[in-house]
Protein backbone atom coordinates (compact mmCIF):
# COMPACT_ATOMS: atom_id res chain seq x y z
CA MET A 1 -106.99 10.50 -86.29
CA LYS A 2 -106.25 9.57 -89.88
CA THR A 3 -107.17 5.98 -89.07
CA TRP A 4 -110.47 7.14 -87.54
CA ALA A 5 -111.24 9.18 -90.65
CA MET A 6 -110.41 6.25 -92.96
CA VAL A 7 -112.59 3.86 -90.92
CA LYS A 8 -115.43 6.38 -91.20
CA GLY A 9 -115.02 6.33 -94.98
CA LEU A 10 -113.70 9.85 -95.52
CA PRO A 11 -111.97 10.15 -98.91
CA GLY A 12 -108.18 10.55 -98.80
CA LYS A 13 -108.30 14.04 -100.31
CA GLU A 14 -110.78 15.17 -97.65
CA ILE A 15 -108.62 13.68 -94.91
CA GLU A 16 -105.57 15.57 -96.19
CA ARG A 17 -107.56 18.79 -96.63
CA ASN A 18 -108.89 18.55 -93.07
CA ARG A 19 -105.79 17.02 -91.46
CA ASP A 20 -105.13 19.90 -89.05
CA ILE A 21 -108.79 20.27 -88.13
CA LEU A 22 -109.06 16.52 -87.48
CA ARG A 23 -105.91 16.64 -85.34
CA MET A 24 -107.26 19.54 -83.24
CA ALA A 25 -110.63 17.82 -82.87
CA ALA A 26 -108.89 14.67 -81.65
CA MET A 27 -106.92 16.64 -79.06
CA LEU A 28 -110.11 18.27 -77.81
CA HIS A 29 -111.93 14.94 -77.59
CA ASP A 30 -110.97 14.42 -73.95
CA VAL A 31 -111.88 17.96 -72.88
CA GLY A 32 -115.29 16.60 -71.91
CA LYS A 33 -113.73 14.65 -69.06
CA VAL A 34 -113.97 17.84 -67.00
CA ALA A 35 -117.72 17.15 -66.90
CA ILE A 36 -117.18 13.69 -65.38
CA SER A 37 -116.97 13.30 -61.62
CA ASP A 38 -113.51 12.60 -60.20
CA LEU A 39 -115.11 9.76 -58.27
CA ILE A 40 -115.51 8.01 -61.62
CA LEU A 41 -112.40 9.34 -63.40
CA LYS A 42 -110.03 8.39 -60.58
CA LYS A 43 -111.77 5.18 -59.56
CA PRO A 44 -109.36 2.27 -59.26
CA GLY A 45 -110.52 -0.86 -61.02
CA LYS A 46 -113.32 -1.40 -63.48
CA PHE A 47 -116.29 0.88 -63.99
CA THR A 48 -119.77 -0.33 -63.24
CA SER A 49 -122.04 -0.38 -66.29
CA GLU A 50 -123.59 2.92 -65.12
CA GLU A 51 -120.16 4.54 -64.68
CA TYR A 52 -119.10 3.31 -68.11
CA GLU A 53 -122.20 4.89 -69.69
CA ILE A 54 -121.32 8.17 -67.97
CA MET A 55 -117.70 7.94 -69.20
CA LYS A 56 -118.91 7.41 -72.76
CA THR A 57 -120.49 10.88 -72.65
CA HIS A 58 -117.17 12.71 -72.31
CA GLY A 59 -116.76 13.06 -76.07
CA VAL A 60 -120.16 14.67 -76.42
CA GLN A 61 -119.43 16.91 -73.43
CA GLY A 62 -116.15 17.98 -75.06
CA ALA A 63 -117.88 18.81 -78.36
CA ARG A 64 -120.68 20.83 -76.78
CA PRO A 65 -118.77 24.17 -76.56
CA PHE A 66 -118.17 24.06 -80.31
CA LEU A 67 -121.73 23.49 -81.42
CA ASN A 68 -122.65 27.20 -81.70
CA SER A 69 -119.47 29.02 -82.66
CA SER A 70 -118.47 30.73 -85.90
CA ASN A 71 -115.99 28.16 -87.29
CA LEU A 72 -118.54 25.82 -88.83
CA GLU A 73 -116.12 23.34 -90.40
CA PHE A 74 -114.15 22.89 -87.18
CA ASP A 75 -117.35 22.77 -85.14
CA GLU A 76 -118.86 20.05 -87.28
CA ILE A 77 -115.76 17.87 -87.20
CA SER A 78 -115.29 18.40 -83.43
CA ALA A 79 -118.89 17.42 -82.83
CA VAL A 80 -118.57 14.26 -84.95
CA VAL A 81 -115.29 13.23 -83.31
CA GLY A 82 -116.74 13.96 -79.88
CA VAL A 83 -119.82 11.87 -80.45
CA ASP A 84 -118.10 8.99 -82.27
CA PRO A 85 -114.39 8.76 -81.42
CA SER A 86 -114.03 5.09 -82.36
């Protein structure tokens, strides 16, 4: 997660200050896979281009539950990590 934050240009002090939040957001990143059909998740072999586009939505799906809660800082970071995990 620290590498992701550095690539995104977050200052070192901000990374350290948000280390635990970033770590939790990273762990929750894959939660959105529950919204993806098992036919795609468990498919042997390569995804079709359509399946790959669906798989790319899992980060957004995982961030969705956090978009309207009371922990704004965690919500914002979870949403950013969910949308752009690279």
